[in-house]
């Protein structure tokens, strides 16, 4: 089969589009014929070696932690899926990923794919939608009627966060750059703030701040002052400390997304009911994945990109 792999850590130039052995599923695993994978910022960190302590892996390594596709082989004791089933999943960070024609995955990481959108586009759902869901509900405990400020609402995770928060009955305030304002408003934000034009302020304090943007610690601290007493600051950027304020009862939570089949199935059902929209900005062939990595490493914001074998 064809795959993209890196045999050493480094810049985008270490990625090779090459032949690789067809993987065989082990106990509790299935092999998936890949319809699509995606590019995520974490892929840049894994390839560059900056995350090697947190996610040790064997080289050569195939990137791609999100997958959609069709089951084409079952390992021993793999129950719950059958050959021919269409699936989506968030794959383990340290195992070979889905930037290939086939990938082996633990069966507990996979769920039935949505039927209302193309199977390839469904790869744009798992990791980023789970990040948004877990940040809002597991970490922040968001409830109907609360006010939530989503900083970085124009990004991939932010788009899902706005939709999910609005669906939960929250009042949603999203920050965005001029190129993303219309998209954030279309996702359902009640208020959209252009963070490039002026300092972000709100008419009333918010109950929840979700930070999804790469900002410095001082900027995040300033935003946290918009959180009312007893509120929560949730931060998805591990390089930036999450500020708390014990005197005001404001707690801090760092997001660490995890694979959760029950939650992913819930998100798939929302897609099929028309309650959650999956957006794909770009579709690229697997052989060109290195170009996407190079653009990201050069600082270009990469919108939701699906990678097609």
Protein backbone atom coordinates (compact mmCIF):
# COMPACT_ATOMS: atom_id res chain seq x y z
CA UNK A 1 0.00 0.00 0.00
CA UNK A 2 0.96 3.66 -0.26
CA UNK A 3 1.54 5.69 2.90
CA UNK A 4 3.12 8.91 4.07
CA UNK A 5 5.76 8.26 6.73
CA UNK A 6 8.63 9.99 8.47
CA UNK A 7 11.72 7.97 9.36
CA UNK A 8 13.21 10.74 11.52
CA UNK A 9 11.91 13.82 13.29
CA UNK A 10 12.25 17.11 11.47
CA UNK A 11 10.57 19.62 9.17
CA UNK A 12 8.06 18.77 6.46
CA UNK A 13 10.89 17.51 4.27
CA UNK A 14 11.15 14.29 6.32
CA UNK A 15 7.73 13.12 5.08
CA UNK A 16 7.92 10.46 2.38
CA UNK A 17 5.14 9.18 0.15
CA UNK A 18 6.19 5.55 -0.25
CA UNK A 19 5.27 1.90 -0.29
CA UNK A 20 4.60 0.28 3.07
CA UNK A 21 3.53 -3.19 4.15
CA UNK A 22 -0.20 -3.80 4.45
CA UNK A 23 -0.88 -3.86 8.22
CA UNK A 24 -2.55 -6.85 9.82
CA UNK A 25 -5.02 -6.36 12.68
CA UNK A 26 -4.19 -7.88 16.03
CA UNK A 27 -6.53 -8.90 18.87
CA UNK A 28 -9.33 -6.37 19.30
CA UNK A 29 -8.32 -4.49 16.16
CA UNK A 30 -9.70 -4.01 12.68
CA UNK A 31 -8.09 -2.92 9.45
CA UNK A 32 -9.70 0.04 7.73
CA UNK A 33 -9.55 0.94 4.06
CA UNK A 34 -9.05 4.66 4.46
CA UNK A 35 -11.50 7.03 2.78
CA UNK A 36 -9.76 10.03 4.30
CA UNK A 37 -7.57 11.34 7.07
CA UNK A 38 -6.96 14.97 8.04
CA UNK A 39 -4.24 17.44 8.92
CA UNK A 40 -4.20 18.68 12.53
CA UNK A 41 -1.71 20.99 14.27
CA UNK A 42 -0.78 18.06 16.51
CA UNK A 43 0.56 16.27 13.42
CA UNK A 44 3.10 19.07 13.03
CA UNK A 45 4.23 18.63 16.63
CA UNK A 46 4.47 14.85 16.35
CA UNK A 47 6.49 15.00 13.11
CA UNK A 48 8.75 17.73 14.46
CA UNK A 49 9.54 15.72 17.59
CA UNK A 50 8.35 18.38 20.02
CA UNK A 51 5.80 15.98 21.49
CA UNK A 52 8.00 12.88 21.61
CA UNK A 53 8.11 12.80 25.42
CA UNK A 54 4.32 12.97 25.73
CA UNK A 55 3.69 10.62 22.80
CA UNK A 56 6.64 8.27 22.26
CA UNK A 57 6.43 6.36 18.99
CA UNK A 58 8.40 3.98 16.84
CA UNK A 59 9.90 5.20 13.57
CA UNK A 60 9.05 5.15 10.73
CA UNK A 61 5.67 6.59 11.69
CA UNK A 62 2.50 7.25 9.70
CA UNK A 63 0.73 10.46 10.85
CA UNK A 64 -3.01 11.12 10.83
CA UNK A 65 -5.03 10.69 14.03
CA UNK A 66 -8.48 11.07 12.44
CA UNK A 67 -9.91 8.54 10.02
CA UNK A 68 -12.97 7.68 8.03
CA UNK A 69 -13.24 4.57 5.93
CA UNK A 70 -14.53 1.03 5.60
CA UNK A 71 -13.63 -2.03 7.67
CA UNK A 72 -11.93 -4.59 5.44
CA UNK A 73 -10.44 -7.09 7.93
CA UNK A 74 -11.12 -8.18 11.51
CA UNK A 75 -8.52 -9.23 14.05
CA UNK A 76 -9.12 -11.89 16.70
CA UNK A 77 -11.81 -10.95 19.25
CA UNK A 78 -12.79 -7.84 17.28
CA UNK A 79 -16.51 -7.63 17.98
CA UNK A 80 -19.02 -4.92 17.24
CA UNK A 81 -18.06 -4.15 13.65
CA UNK A 82 -18.19 -6.18 10.45
CA UNK A 83 -16.30 -6.11 7.18
CA UNK A 84 -17.90 -3.45 5.00
CA UNK A 85 -18.99 -1.18 7.85
CA UNK A 86 -18.34 2.55 7.32
CA UNK A 87 -16.60 4.08 10.33
CA UNK A 88 -14.99 7.19 11.77
CA UNK A 89 -12.51 7.34 14.62
CA UNK A 90 -9.93 9.20 16.67
CA UNK A 91 -6.82 7.01 16.63
CA UNK A 92 -4.14 6.57 19.32
CA UNK A 93 -1.42 9.24 19.05
CA UNK A 94 1.49 6.82 19.31
CA UNK A 95 0.32 4.20 16.79
CA UNK A 96 0.56 4.49 13.01
CA UNK A 97 -2.14 6.80 11.72
CA UNK A 98 -4.39 7.09 8.70
CA UNK A 99 -2.20 8.94 6.19
CA UNK A 100 -2.17 5.73 4.19
CA UNK A 101 -4.40 3.50 2.09
CA UNK A 102 -5.04 1.25 5.11
CA UNK A 103 -4.72 1.61 8.87
CA UNK A 104 -5.13 -0.76 11.80
CA UNK A 105 -7.18 0.60 14.69
CA UNK A 106 -8.49 -0.61 18.05
CA UNK A 107 -12.17 -1.36 17.66
CA UNK A 108 -13.06 0.77 20.70
CA UNK A 109 -11.79 3.90 18.90
CA UNK A 110 -14.24 3.49 16.00
CA UNK A 111 -17.95 4.21 15.57
CA UNK A 112 -20.38 4.07 12.68
CA UNK A 113 -19.88 6.98 10.28
CA UNK A 114 -22.57 9.58 9.62
CA UNK A 115 -24.72 8.71 6.62
CA UNK A 116 -25.79 12.25 5.72
CA UNK A 117 -22.40 13.45 4.46
CA UNK A 118 -19.71 11.95 2.19
CA UNK A 119 -17.63 9.34 4.01
CA UNK A 120 -14.36 11.15 3.24
CA UNK A 121 -15.66 14.40 4.75
CA UNK A 122 -16.56 12.56 7.95
CA UNK A 123 -12.84 12.38 8.77
CA UNK A 124 -13.09 16.07 9.68
CA UNK A 125 -15.25 15.23 12.71
CA UNK A 126 -13.64 13.00 15.36
CA UNK A 127 -10.74 14.68 17.16
CA UNK A 128 -11.74 18.31 16.79
CA UNK A 129 -15.41 17.77 17.62
CA UNK A 130 -14.44 15.68 20.66
CA UNK A 131 -12.09 18.46 21.77
CA UNK A 132 -14.92 21.00 21.59
CA UNK A 133 -17.41 18.68 23.30
CA UNK A 134 -15.10 17.74 26.16
CA UNK A 135 -13.96 21.35 26.71
CA UNK A 136 -17.54 22.62 26.94
CA UNK A 137 -19.28 19.86 28.84
CA UNK A 138 -16.72 17.64 30.61
CA UNK A 139 -14.35 20.43 31.60
CA UNK A 140 -16.54 23.53 31.85
CA UNK A 141 -19.87 21.89 32.71
CA UNK A 142 -21.67 24.30 30.37
CA UNK A 143 -25.43 24.56 30.94
CA UNK A 144 -28.35 26.18 29.15
CA UNK A 145 -28.64 29.88 29.88
CA UNK A 146 -24.97 30.41 30.64
CA UNK A 147 -22.75 32.85 28.74
CA UNK A 148 -19.66 31.40 27.07
CA UNK A 149 -16.80 33.24 25.39
CA UNK A 150 -15.01 31.11 22.79
CA UNK A 151 -11.64 32.65 21.93
CA UNK A 152 -10.54 31.32 18.55
CA UNK A 153 -14.04 30.53 17.34
CA UNK A 154 -12.92 30.78 13.72
CA UNK A 155 -10.77 27.64 13.89
CA UNK A 156 -11.74 24.02 13.36
CA UNK A 157 -12.39 23.26 17.04
CA UNK A 158 -14.01 26.67 17.49
CA UNK A 159 -16.55 26.00 14.76
CA UNK A 160 -17.76 22.89 16.54
CA UNK A 161 -17.62 24.62 19.95
CA UNK A 162 -19.90 27.43 18.75
CA UNK A 163 -22.42 24.96 17.30
CA UNK A 164 -22.42 22.71 20.36
CA UNK A 165 -22.70 25.57 22.85
CA UNK A 166 -25.56 27.15 20.92
CA UNK A 167 -27.35 23.79 20.66
CA UNK A 168 -26.99 23.41 24.45
CA UNK A 169 -28.84 26.68 24.96
CA UNK A 170 -25.92 28.88 25.93
CA UNK A 171 -25.39 32.50 24.89
CA UNK A 172 -22.32 32.26 22.66
CA UNK A 173 -19.74 35.00 22.12
CA UNK A 174 -17.01 34.13 19.62
CA UNK A 175 -13.80 35.93 18.75
CA UNK A 176 -12.61 35.78 15.16
CA UNK A 177 -10.44 37.51 12.59
CA UNK A 178 -12.15 39.40 9.73
CA UNK A 179 -11.84 36.39 7.41
CA UNK A 180 -13.73 34.20 9.92
CA UNK A 181 -16.43 36.52 11.23
CA UNK A 182 -19.10 35.40 8.76
CA UNK A 183 -18.34 31.72 9.38
CA UNK A 184 -18.55 32.11 13.16
CA UNK A 185 -21.84 33.97 12.86
CA UNK A 186 -23.19 31.25 10.54
CA UNK A 187 -22.18 28.60 13.10
CA UNK A 188 -24.62 30.20 15.52
CA UNK A 189 -22.70 32.71 17.65
CA UNK A 190 -24.96 35.30 19.27
CA UNK A 191 -22.12 37.82 19.25
CA UNK A 192 -18.92 37.92 17.19
CA UNK A 193 -15.95 40.06 18.21
CA UNK A 194 -13.21 40.95 15.71
CA UNK A 195 -10.18 40.49 17.94
CA UNK A 196 -7.94 42.32 15.44
CA UNK A 197 -9.90 45.56 15.67
CA UNK A 198 -10.03 46.15 19.42
CA UNK A 199 -9.62 44.55 22.82
CA UNK A 200 -12.13 41.80 23.47
CA UNK A 201 -14.80 42.95 25.91
CA UNK A 202 -18.29 41.75 26.81
CA UNK A 203 -21.36 43.67 27.97
CA UNK A 204 -21.77 41.25 30.87
CA UNK A 205 -19.37 38.79 32.49
CA UNK A 206 -19.27 35.26 31.09
CA UNK A 207 -19.66 32.02 32.98
CA UNK A 208 -17.20 30.13 30.81
CA UNK A 209 -14.11 31.13 28.82
CA UNK A 210 -12.85 28.56 26.32
CA UNK A 211 -9.49 29.48 24.82
CA UNK A 212 -8.61 27.74 21.56
CA UNK A 213 -6.11 30.31 20.25
CA UNK A 214 -2.33 30.49 20.52
CA UNK A 215 -2.08 33.65 22.60
CA UNK A 216 0.44 34.62 25.26
CA UNK A 217 -0.13 34.14 28.98
CA UNK A 218 -0.81 37.82 29.63
CA UNK A 219 -3.51 37.95 26.98
CA UNK A 220 -5.20 34.87 28.41
CA UNK A 221 -5.05 36.38 31.89
CA UNK A 222 -6.77 39.52 30.56
CA UNK A 223 -9.52 37.44 28.99
CA UNK A 224 -9.98 35.50 32.22
CA UNK A 225 -10.95 38.75 33.94
CA UNK A 226 -14.16 38.66 31.87
CA UNK A 227 -15.21 35.50 33.75
CA UNK A 228 -17.69 36.06 36.57
CA UNK A 229 -17.06 34.88 40.13
CA UNK A 230 -17.44 31.10 40.32
CA UNK A 231 -16.84 30.66 36.59
CA UNK A 232 -14.28 28.57 34.71
CA UNK A 233 -11.41 29.09 32.27
CA UNK A 234 -10.80 26.19 29.89
CA UNK A 235 -7.63 26.27 27.80
CA UNK A 236 -6.67 23.97 24.94
CA UNK A 237 -3.14 25.35 24.41
CA UNK A 238 -0.75 23.43 26.70
CA UNK A 239 2.15 25.86 26.19
CA UNK A 240 0.13 28.65 27.84
CA UNK A 241 -0.63 28.40 31.59
CA UNK A 242 -4.34 28.42 32.38
CA UNK A 243 -5.09 31.22 34.87
CA UNK A 244 -7.34 30.71 37.88
CA UNK A 245 -8.51 33.13 40.56
CA UNK A 246 -9.09 31.41 43.89
CA UNK A 247 -10.27 34.63 45.53
CA UNK A 248 -13.15 34.82 43.03
CA UNK A 249 -13.71 31.09 42.79
CA UNK A 250 -12.66 30.97 39.13
CA UNK A 251 -11.22 27.56 38.35
CA UNK A 252 -8.79 26.63 35.56
CA UNK A 253 -8.90 23.49 33.41
CA UNK A 254 -6.44 22.41 30.73
CA UNK A 255 -8.01 20.43 27.89
CA UNK A 256 -6.50 17.03 27.10
CA UNK A 257 -8.70 15.44 24.45
CA UNK A 258 -9.31 11.72 24.66
CA UNK A 259 -10.95 9.18 22.39
CA UNK A 260 -14.49 8.44 23.58
CA UNK A 261 -16.70 6.25 21.39
CA UNK A 262 -19.92 7.10 23.23
CA UNK A 263 -19.38 10.83 22.80
CA UNK A 264 -18.31 10.41 19.18
CA UNK A 265 -21.45 8.40 18.45
CA UNK A 266 -23.48 11.22 19.98
CA UNK A 267 -21.75 13.73 17.70
CA UNK A 268 -22.35 11.53 14.64
CA UNK A 269 -26.05 11.38 15.52
CA UNK A 270 -26.13 15.18 15.75
CA UNK A 271 -24.61 15.39 12.26
CA UNK A 272 -27.26 13.06 10.85
CA UNK A 273 -30.05 15.03 12.55
CA UNK A 274 -28.75 18.25 11.02
CA UNK A 275 -27.76 19.69 14.42
CA UNK A 276 -24.02 19.75 13.74
CA UNK A 277 -22.40 20.82 10.50
CA UNK A 278 -19.12 19.33 9.30
CA UNK A 279 -17.09 21.85 7.32
CA UNK A 280 -14.23 20.95 4.98
CA UNK A 281 -12.21 23.82 3.55
CA UNK A 282 -9.73 21.83 1.47
CA UNK A 283 -9.27 18.34 0.09
CA UNK A 284 -5.75 17.24 -0.88
CA UNK A 285 -4.31 13.98 -2.23
CA UNK A 286 -2.19 11.92 0.15
CA UNK A 287 0.88 12.44 -2.02
CA UNK A 288 0.65 16.20 -1.33
CA UNK A 289 0.36 15.95 2.46
CA UNK A 290 3.94 17.20 2.88
CA UNK A 291 2.90 20.49 1.26
CA UNK A 292 0.22 21.02 3.90
CA UNK A 293 2.77 20.34 6.67
CA UNK A 294 5.15 22.83 5.06
CA UNK A 295 2.48 25.52 4.91
CA UNK A 296 1.60 24.98 8.57
CA UNK A 297 5.27 25.09 9.61
CA UNK A 298 5.62 28.40 7.76
CA UNK A 299 2.88 29.86 9.94
CA UNK A 300 -0.01 29.70 7.48
CA UNK A 301 -3.35 29.04 9.19
CA UNK A 302 -4.60 25.72 7.84
CA UNK A 303 -8.37 25.44 7.62
CA UNK A 304 -10.03 22.04 7.95
CA UNK A 305 -8.15 19.85 5.48
CA UNK A 306 -9.14 16.34 4.46
CA UNK A 307 -6.43 14.07 3.02
CA UNK A 308 -7.49 11.56 0.37
CA UNK A 309 -5.50 8.39 -0.44
